[in-house]
Amino acid sequence: MNTDAGKAKASMEAVVVEALDGLKIELPSWGFADTGTRFGKFLQPAAQTIEEKFADAGQVHQFTGTCPTVALHVLWDLPKGTKPAEVLKMAELFGVRPGSISPNVFEDQIYKHGSLSNEQADVRRHALDHILDSVRIAQELGSRDVTPWFADGSNYPGTASIRARKRWMAEGLKQAHDALDENQRLLIEYKPFEPAFYHTDIADWGMALTLARSSGPKARVLVDTGHHYQAQNIEQIVAWLLDEDMLGGFHFNDRRYADDDLTLGSIDPYQVFRIFAEIRYYEWETGRRADIAFMVDQSHNLKGKIEEMIQTAMTAQELYAKAALIDFAALTKAQREQRLIDAESIYKDAFSTDVRPGVREWRRAKRLPEDPLAAFRESGYMERIKRERAGRSAAAGKYA
């Protein structure tokens, strides 16, 4: 290898190592549980208890080195009577920590017509009480972010007052915000449709931004990459929210049609790269790190759950590393001189770079396996949990 090529390789690997040192991705507890579609479930040896979810998540972090926290869902993971001290002890046992806390204000029958936006005051109060309980649980677990998602909306024109529901939502979120500790955040998520199909009470990033600002200084917007209309420019939304200092976090996944919750980067890896590029560009321009929670929110119905989580983390590492390689000084100069082809080429060159040698170097330095997926498959963990969890399939049929 000539001197110039060697220097370039070393420089690329140094950039990749620096980028990956700062990349942390939160795993969803529900991503390790049995899931399905409205047509049915295909069972796996999935996690049922919070202990099993921590155990499975711990495997992902052990082999990738980038997933130290697990998002918890109050209704599914932390039912009444759960002792926070036991949860913390359990998480530590498996090498992970509790992450963001998600209330559930969409599953109970009482929420048929909405939660914080419901026309009935007693339902709004019920939903708020649950969210406030979730805030307290987050405080007891040392979790920073509370991440409610609302299915609130309507299916038919004229059946709901859109403006009244907006005001009720704002009132509830303000009370939730005011219950936060000084270091906590309220991340407000949006979705254009489903399960509401005529109007959704928080349908887009502008509505979420308005509600976050009216809630208070500890509220930010949460971007789920599946919660947009077809062909919507998500990286533009990211750029605007960054510029407004209102981007709080992501729920990463991929989609082909609607909120498909497919594996990150499986359909459009260039889009994920462009999102990461906007974040790195912002950090280069401002000289400060963006305070963003990177979280996964996928539905692993067919792929093996632990393997897909490892695959997701590996893909995120590679795409984030590619974004870190963009020469932002050259890019800015080309933009200002309106050299369109040159500017676009700078983007594409970074995306086309094979960063895997640099990622492997980072893993070696961290004493991680160079191929996390292969190492997990060789570990025997999957075979062990298949045996341990096998009895559960008796009532519903064998694991697929």
Protein backbone atom coordinates (compact mmCIF):
# COMPACT_ATOMS: atom_id res chain seq x y z
CA MET A 1 0.00 0.00 0.00
CA ASN A 2 1.48 3.39 -0.98
CA THR A 3 1.88 6.13 1.60
CA ASP A 4 -1.03 8.27 0.42
CA ALA A 5 -3.43 5.31 0.32
CA GLY A 6 -2.29 4.22 3.77
CA LYS A 7 -2.87 7.71 5.18
CA ALA A 8 -6.32 7.86 3.61
CA LYS A 9 -7.25 4.47 5.06
CA ALA A 10 -6.01 5.46 8.51
CA SER A 11 -7.88 8.76 8.32
CA MET A 12 -11.10 7.01 7.28
CA GLU A 13 -10.80 4.49 10.10
CA ALA A 14 -10.15 7.27 12.63
CA VAL A 15 -13.32 9.08 11.56
CA VAL A 16 -15.34 5.85 11.76
CA VAL A 17 -14.00 5.04 15.23
CA GLU A 18 -14.82 8.54 16.51
CA ALA A 19 -18.33 8.35 15.10
CA LEU A 20 -19.11 4.90 16.48
CA ASP A 21 -17.79 5.81 19.92
CA GLY A 22 -20.67 8.30 20.16
CA LEU A 23 -23.44 6.19 18.63
CA LYS A 24 -25.88 4.64 21.11
CA ILE A 25 -29.06 2.91 19.95
CA GLU A 26 -31.93 2.03 22.26
CA LEU A 27 -33.72 -1.29 21.78
CA PRO A 28 -37.48 -1.70 22.30
CA SER A 29 -38.54 -4.35 24.82
CA TRP A 30 -41.56 -5.15 22.66
CA GLY A 31 -39.25 -6.01 19.77
CA PHE A 32 -38.28 -9.18 21.62
CA ALA A 33 -41.88 -10.29 22.32
CA ASP A 34 -44.25 -12.20 20.04
CA THR A 35 -45.89 -9.83 17.57
CA GLY A 36 -47.94 -10.20 14.45
CA THR A 37 -50.35 -8.55 12.09
CA ARG A 38 -54.10 -8.18 12.38
CA PHE A 39 -54.28 -11.46 10.44
CA GLY A 40 -52.34 -13.53 12.96
CA LYS A 41 -49.10 -14.30 14.75
CA PHE A 42 -46.22 -16.57 13.82
CA LEU A 43 -44.63 -17.64 17.09
CA GLN A 44 -40.95 -17.66 17.92
CA PRO A 45 -39.15 -18.46 21.18
CA ALA A 46 -39.81 -14.85 22.07
CA ALA A 47 -39.43 -13.09 25.40
CA GLN A 48 -42.52 -12.89 27.59
CA THR A 49 -41.21 -11.54 30.89
CA ILE A 50 -39.23 -8.36 31.41
CA GLU A 51 -36.34 -10.51 32.59
CA GLU A 52 -36.31 -12.40 29.28
CA LYS A 53 -36.49 -9.11 27.37
CA PHE A 54 -33.48 -7.76 29.24
CA ALA A 55 -31.66 -11.05 28.64
CA ASP A 56 -32.29 -10.94 24.89
CA ALA A 57 -31.43 -7.24 24.67
CA GLY A 58 -28.25 -7.92 26.61
CA GLN A 59 -27.19 -10.32 23.86
CA VAL A 60 -27.56 -7.58 21.23
CA HIS A 61 -25.47 -5.15 23.28
CA GLN A 62 -22.90 -7.81 24.11
CA PHE A 63 -22.19 -8.52 20.45
CA THR A 64 -22.60 -5.02 18.96
CA GLY A 65 -21.41 -2.78 21.80
CA THR A 66 -23.86 -0.04 20.84
CA CYS A 67 -27.22 -0.82 22.49
CA PRO A 68 -26.89 -0.14 26.24
CA THR A 69 -30.54 0.76 26.99
CA VAL A 70 -33.96 -0.84 26.57
CA ALA A 71 -37.16 1.14 26.05
CA LEU A 72 -39.92 -0.12 28.36
CA HIS A 73 -43.66 -0.10 27.85
CA VAL A 74 -45.55 0.50 31.07
CA LEU A 75 -48.55 -1.72 30.37
CA TRP A 76 -46.55 -4.56 28.85
CA ASP A 77 -43.40 -4.43 31.03
CA LEU A 78 -44.21 -2.58 34.25
CA PRO A 79 -47.66 -3.55 35.55
CA LYS A 80 -48.91 -2.32 38.91
CA GLY A 81 -46.90 -3.78 41.76
CA THR A 82 -43.61 -3.81 39.84
CA LYS A 83 -40.73 -2.80 42.10
CA PRO A 84 -38.31 -0.43 40.35
CA ALA A 85 -35.36 -1.67 42.42
CA GLU A 86 -35.91 -5.20 41.13
CA VAL A 87 -36.14 -3.95 37.54
CA LEU A 88 -32.85 -2.07 37.90
CA LYS A 89 -31.16 -5.10 39.44
CA MET A 90 -32.46 -7.33 36.65
CA ALA A 91 -31.26 -4.97 33.92
CA GLU A 92 -27.81 -4.71 35.47
CA LEU A 93 -27.57 -8.49 35.56
CA PHE A 94 -27.83 -8.59 31.76
CA GLY A 95 -25.60 -5.59 31.07
CA VAL A 96 -28.23 -3.07 29.97
CA ARG A 97 -30.23 -0.23 31.55
CA PRO A 98 -33.87 0.89 31.40
CA GLY A 99 -34.28 3.52 28.70
CA SER A 100 -37.26 5.58 27.62
CA ILE A 101 -40.64 4.89 29.20
CA SER A 102 -43.71 4.51 26.98
CA PRO A 103 -47.19 4.97 28.44
CA ASN A 104 -50.09 3.04 26.90
CA VAL A 105 -53.12 5.20 26.15
CA PHE A 106 -54.42 3.33 23.13
CA GLU A 107 -55.13 -0.28 24.06
CA ASP A 108 -57.78 -0.20 26.81
CA GLN A 109 -61.45 -0.13 25.86
CA ILE A 110 -61.83 3.25 27.54
CA TYR A 111 -59.70 4.78 24.75
CA LYS A 112 -62.05 3.78 21.94
CA HIS A 113 -62.61 7.47 21.10
CA GLY A 114 -59.22 8.74 22.21
CA SER A 115 -57.25 9.50 25.36
CA LEU A 116 -56.06 13.04 26.08
CA SER A 117 -58.25 14.28 23.22
CA ASN A 118 -61.35 12.33 24.27
CA GLU A 119 -64.59 14.31 24.49
CA GLN A 120 -65.25 12.86 27.95
CA ALA A 121 -63.36 14.54 30.79
CA ASP A 122 -63.17 11.37 32.90
CA VAL A 123 -61.39 9.53 30.06
CA ARG A 124 -58.96 12.41 29.63
CA ARG A 125 -58.26 12.29 33.36
CA HIS A 126 -57.76 8.51 33.25
CA ALA A 127 -55.22 8.88 30.44
CA LEU A 128 -53.41 11.73 32.17
CA ASP A 129 -53.19 9.78 35.42
CA HIS A 130 -51.56 6.90 33.56
CA ILE A 131 -49.06 9.23 31.87
CA LEU A 132 -48.24 10.84 35.23
CA ASP A 133 -47.74 7.35 36.69
CA SER A 134 -45.39 6.67 33.78
CA VAL A 135 -43.43 9.84 34.58
CA ARG A 136 -43.03 8.66 38.18
CA ILE A 137 -41.89 5.23 37.03
CA ALA A 138 -39.33 6.89 34.74
CA GLN A 139 -38.04 8.92 37.67
CA GLU A 140 -37.71 5.83 39.86
CA LEU A 141 -35.82 3.97 37.12
CA GLY A 142 -33.58 6.92 36.27
CA SER A 143 -35.05 7.11 32.75
CA ARG A 144 -34.71 10.43 31.01
CA ASP A 145 -37.32 10.28 28.26
CA VAL A 146 -41.08 9.71 28.45
CA THR A 147 -42.41 8.87 25.00
CA PRO A 148 -46.21 8.77 24.65
CA TRP A 149 -47.77 7.84 21.32
CA PHE A 150 -51.41 8.71 20.73
CA ALA A 151 -53.88 6.85 18.52
CA ASP A 152 -56.33 9.72 19.09
CA GLY A 153 -58.33 10.88 16.09
CA SER A 154 -61.53 10.22 14.18
CA ASN A 155 -62.63 8.15 11.20
CA TYR A 156 -65.53 10.22 9.82
CA PRO A 157 -65.95 13.91 8.96
CA GLY A 158 -68.03 15.89 11.40
CA THR A 159 -67.82 13.36 14.22
CA ALA A 160 -65.28 15.30 16.30
CA SER A 161 -64.25 18.89 16.94
CA ILE A 162 -60.69 19.05 15.67
CA ARG A 163 -59.99 22.34 17.46
CA ALA A 164 -61.42 21.22 20.81
CA ARG A 165 -59.41 17.99 20.67
CA LYS A 166 -56.27 20.01 19.91
CA ARG A 167 -56.83 22.10 23.05
CA TRP A 168 -57.49 19.04 25.24
CA MET A 169 -54.32 17.39 23.96
CA ALA A 170 -52.29 20.51 24.68
CA GLU A 171 -53.70 20.76 28.22
CA GLY A 172 -52.85 17.15 29.02
CA LEU A 173 -49.34 17.31 27.60
CA LYS A 174 -48.63 20.51 29.55
CA GLN A 175 -49.56 18.76 32.80
CA ALA A 176 -47.40 15.77 31.90
CA HIS A 177 -44.50 18.09 31.08
CA ASP A 178 -44.82 19.94 34.38
CA ALA A 179 -44.51 16.67 36.31
CA LEU A 180 -41.06 15.94 34.82
CA ASP A 181 -37.83 16.21 36.77
CA GLU A 182 -35.34 18.85 35.72
CA ASN A 183 -33.32 16.41 33.59
CA GLN A 184 -36.25 14.57 32.01
CA ARG A 185 -37.83 15.12 28.61
CA LEU A 186 -41.24 14.61 27.06
CA LEU A 187 -40.89 13.40 23.47
CA ILE A 188 -44.04 13.95 21.41
CA GLU A 189 -44.60 11.57 18.49
CA TYR A 190 -46.79 12.10 15.45
CA LYS A 191 -48.45 9.91 12.83
CA PRO A 192 -50.59 10.94 9.84
CA PHE A 193 -53.04 8.01 9.94
CA GLU A 194 -53.79 4.61 11.49
CA PRO A 195 -55.78 3.68 13.44
CA ALA A 196 -57.57 6.99 12.84
CA PHE A 197 -58.18 7.50 9.12
CA TYR A 198 -60.04 10.80 8.76
CA HIS A 199 -57.96 12.88 11.14
CA THR A 200 -55.26 12.12 13.68
CA ASP A 201 -54.90 14.57 16.56
CA ILE A 202 -51.09 14.74 16.19
CA ALA A 203 -50.74 14.09 12.49
CA ASP A 204 -47.40 15.64 11.53
CA TRP A 205 -44.19 17.22 12.78
CA GLY A 206 -45.65 20.73 12.75
CA MET A 207 -48.46 19.72 15.10
CA ALA A 208 -46.00 17.88 17.34
CA LEU A 209 -43.71 20.92 17.33
CA THR A 210 -46.58 23.24 18.29
CA LEU A 211 -47.62 20.94 21.14
CA ALA A 212 -44.04 20.54 22.34
CA ARG A 213 -43.54 24.28 22.50
CA SER A 214 -46.81 24.85 24.31
CA SER A 215 -45.94 22.06 26.78
CA GLY A 216 -42.71 23.65 27.95
CA PRO A 217 -38.91 23.70 27.61
CA LYS A 218 -38.44 19.99 28.40
CA ALA A 219 -40.58 18.82 25.47
CA ARG A 220 -39.21 17.83 22.08
CA VAL A 221 -40.45 16.08 18.91
CA LEU A 222 -39.99 12.35 18.31
CA VAL A 223 -39.65 11.30 14.65
CA ASP A 224 -40.73 7.77 13.73
CA THR A 225 -39.37 7.12 10.24
CA GLY A 226 -42.47 5.05 9.37
CA HIS A 227 -44.91 7.80 10.34
CA HIS A 228 -44.95 9.80 7.13
CA TYR A 229 -46.73 9.89 3.80
CA GLN A 230 -45.14 8.20 0.80
CA ALA A 231 -42.07 10.02 -0.55
CA GLN A 232 -42.09 12.62 2.24
CA ASN A 233 -38.71 14.24 2.75
CA ILE A 234 -37.90 13.10 6.29
CA GLU A 235 -34.39 14.55 6.32
CA GLN A 236 -35.87 18.00 5.63
CA ILE A 237 -38.06 17.58 8.72
CA VAL A 238 -34.96 16.52 10.65
CA ALA A 239 -33.03 19.57 9.43
CA TRP A 240 -35.82 21.96 10.44
CA LEU A 241 -36.24 20.41 13.88
CA LEU A 242 -32.48 20.52 14.44
CA ASP A 243 -32.39 24.18 13.47
CA GLU A 244 -35.24 24.87 15.90
CA ASP A 245 -33.49 22.85 18.66
CA MET A 246 -36.61 20.70 18.91
CA LEU A 247 -35.51 17.27 17.70
CA GLY A 248 -35.62 14.91 20.67
CA GLY A 249 -35.29 11.46 19.18
CA PHE A 250 -36.11 8.83 16.58
CA HIS A 251 -38.00 5.61 16.33
CA PHE A 252 -36.05 4.00 13.51
CA ASN A 253 -37.52 1.45 11.10
CA ASP A 254 -38.16 1.20 7.36
CA ARG A 255 -41.26 1.03 5.21
CA ARG A 256 -42.50 0.30 1.71
CA TYR A 257 -46.14 1.42 1.92
CA ALA A 258 -47.26 2.76 5.29
CA ASP A 259 -46.11 2.14 8.87
CA ASP A 260 -44.62 -1.22 7.92
CA ASP A 261 -42.06 -1.33 10.76
CA LEU A 262 -39.55 -3.18 8.60
CA THR A 263 -35.85 -3.50 9.42
CA LEU A 264 -33.85 -0.27 9.40
CA GLY A 265 -32.32 0.31 5.97
CA SER A 266 -33.94 -2.76 4.40
CA ILE A 267 -35.92 -0.74 1.84
CA ASP A 268 -34.10 2.59 1.56
CA PRO A 269 -30.69 2.70 3.26
CA TYR A 270 -29.89 5.95 1.42
CA GLN A 271 -32.72 7.67 3.32
CA VAL A 272 -31.28 6.62 6.68
CA PHE A 273 -27.87 7.85 5.48
CA ARG A 274 -29.38 11.21 4.52
CA ILE A 275 -30.98 11.55 7.95
CA PHE A 276 -27.67 10.82 9.67
CA ALA A 277 -25.97 13.22 7.25
CA GLU A 278 -28.23 16.09 8.32
CA ILE A 279 -27.41 15.39 11.96
CA ARG A 280 -23.67 15.26 11.32
CA TYR A 281 -23.88 18.42 9.18
CA TYR A 282 -25.63 20.25 12.00
CA GLU A 283 -22.96 19.10 14.44
CA TRP A 284 -20.17 20.20 12.09
CA GLU A 285 -21.76 23.64 11.60
CA THR A 286 -22.54 24.29 15.27
CA GLY A 287 -19.59 22.54 16.88
CA ARG A 288 -21.86 20.79 19.38
CA ARG A 289 -23.34 17.34 19.59
CA ALA A 290 -27.06 17.07 18.88
CA ASP A 291 -28.96 15.79 21.92
CA ILE A 292 -30.91 13.06 20.15
CA ALA A 293 -32.15 9.69 21.40
CA PHE A 294 -31.72 7.03 18.71
CA MET A 295 -34.32 4.31 19.29
CA VAL A 296 -35.48 1.29 17.30
CA ASP A 297 -39.19 0.59 16.83
CA GLN A 298 -39.68 -2.41 14.54
CA SER A 299 -41.99 -5.38 14.32
CA HIS A 300 -40.03 -8.59 13.97
CA ASN A 301 -42.81 -10.88 12.80
CA LEU A 302 -40.84 -13.13 10.44
CA LYS A 303 -37.14 -12.57 11.08
CA GLY A 304 -35.55 -13.91 14.25
CA LYS A 305 -35.99 -11.20 16.84
CA ILE A 306 -32.53 -11.10 18.36
CA GLU A 307 -30.83 -11.58 15.00
CA GLU A 308 -32.85 -8.76 13.44
CA MET A 309 -31.91 -6.45 16.32
CA ILE A 310 -28.24 -7.28 15.76
CA GLN A 311 -28.69 -6.73 12.02
CA THR A 312 -30.34 -3.37 12.73
CA ALA A 313 -27.52 -2.22 15.01
CA MET A 314 -24.91 -3.27 12.45
CA THR A 315 -26.72 -1.43 9.65
CA ALA A 316 -27.08 1.70 11.76
CA GLN A 317 -23.36 1.62 12.59
CA GLU A 318 -22.39 1.40 8.92
CA LEU A 319 -24.77 4.12 7.73
CA TYR A 320 -23.80 6.45 10.57
CA ALA A 321 -20.13 5.87 9.79
CA LYS A 322 -20.75 6.69 6.13
CA ALA A 323 -22.44 9.97 7.10
CA ALA A 324 -19.45 10.84 9.28
CA LEU A 325 -17.17 10.61 6.23
CA ILE A 326 -18.85 13.48 4.39
CA ASP A 327 -16.44 16.36 3.77
CA PHE A 328 -18.75 19.08 5.06
CA ALA A 329 -16.31 21.91 4.36
CA ALA A 330 -16.11 20.89 0.70
CA LEU A 331 -19.86 20.30 0.62
CA THR A 332 -20.65 23.76 1.98
CA LYS A 333 -18.27 25.38 -0.51
CA ALA A 334 -19.85 23.50 -3.43
CA GLN A 335 -23.35 24.45 -2.25
CA ARG A 336 -22.51 28.14 -1.98
CA GLU A 337 -20.85 28.13 -5.38
CA GLN A 338 -23.91 26.29 -6.75
CA ARG A 339 -21.83 23.43 -8.13
CA LEU A 340 -24.68 20.95 -7.98
CA ILE A 341 -22.95 17.88 -9.38
CA ASP A 342 -19.94 18.37 -7.13
CA ALA A 343 -22.11 18.78 -4.03
CA GLU A 344 -24.18 15.71 -4.84
CA SER A 345 -21.02 13.71 -5.58
CA ILE A 346 -19.63 14.51 -2.13
CA TYR A 347 -22.76 12.95 -0.64
CA LYS A 348 -22.68 9.92 -2.93
CA ASP A 349 -18.97 9.31 -2.46
CA ALA A 350 -19.47 9.02 1.29
CA PHE A 351 -22.46 6.73 0.86
CA SER A 352 -20.51 4.53 -1.57
CA THR A 353 -17.50 4.16 0.73
CA ASP A 354 -16.98 0.70 2.17
CA VAL A 355 -16.77 1.50 5.88
CA ARG A 356 -16.75 -2.12 7.00
CA PRO A 357 -12.94 -2.21 7.53
CA GLY A 358 -13.23 0.81 9.82
CA VAL A 359 -16.18 -0.70 11.67
CA ARG A 360 -14.24 -3.93 12.16
CA GLU A 361 -11.30 -1.93 13.49
CA TRP A 362 -13.61 -0.23 15.99
CA ARG A 363 -14.93 -3.62 17.10
CA ARG A 364 -11.44 -5.01 17.54
CA ALA A 365 -10.49 -2.01 19.66
CA LYS A 366 -13.57 -2.61 21.83
CA ARG A 367 -12.84 -6.36 22.03
CA LEU A 368 -16.07 -7.12 20.22
CA PRO A 369 -16.52 -9.80 17.55
CA GLU A 370 -15.81 -8.52 14.06
CA ASP A 371 -19.01 -10.19 12.83
CA PRO A 372 -21.61 -9.79 15.62
CA LEU A 373 -24.28 -11.83 13.86
CA ALA A 374 -22.00 -14.80 13.23
CA ALA A 375 -20.70 -14.62 16.81
CA PHE A 376 -24.23 -14.64 18.20
CA ARG A 377 -25.17 -17.65 16.08
CA GLU A 378 -22.11 -19.50 17.36
CA SER A 379 -22.80 -18.60 21.00
CA GLY A 380 -25.52 -21.22 21.52
CA TYR A 381 -27.87 -18.70 23.12
CA MET A 382 -30.60 -19.22 20.55
CA GLU A 383 -30.57 -22.99 20.96
CA ARG A 384 -30.73 -22.63 24.73
CA ILE A 385 -33.75 -20.32 24.80
CA LYS A 386 -35.53 -22.51 22.25
CA ARG A 387 -35.27 -25.36 24.73
CA GLU A 388 -36.18 -23.24 27.75
CA ARG A 389 -39.18 -21.55 26.11
CA ALA A 390 -40.40 -24.54 24.11
CA GLY A 391 -43.31 -25.45 26.40
CA ARG A 392 -45.09 -22.21 25.66
CA SER A 393 -45.94 -23.23 22.12
CA ALA A 394 -48.06 -26.19 23.16
CA ALA A 395 -51.35 -24.28 23.21
CA ALA A 396 -50.77 -22.31 20.05
CA GLY A 397 -48.77 -24.71 17.91
CA LYS A 398 -45.03 -25.14 17.42
CA TYR A 399 -42.70 -22.25 16.78
CA ALA A 400 -42.39 -21.30 13.14
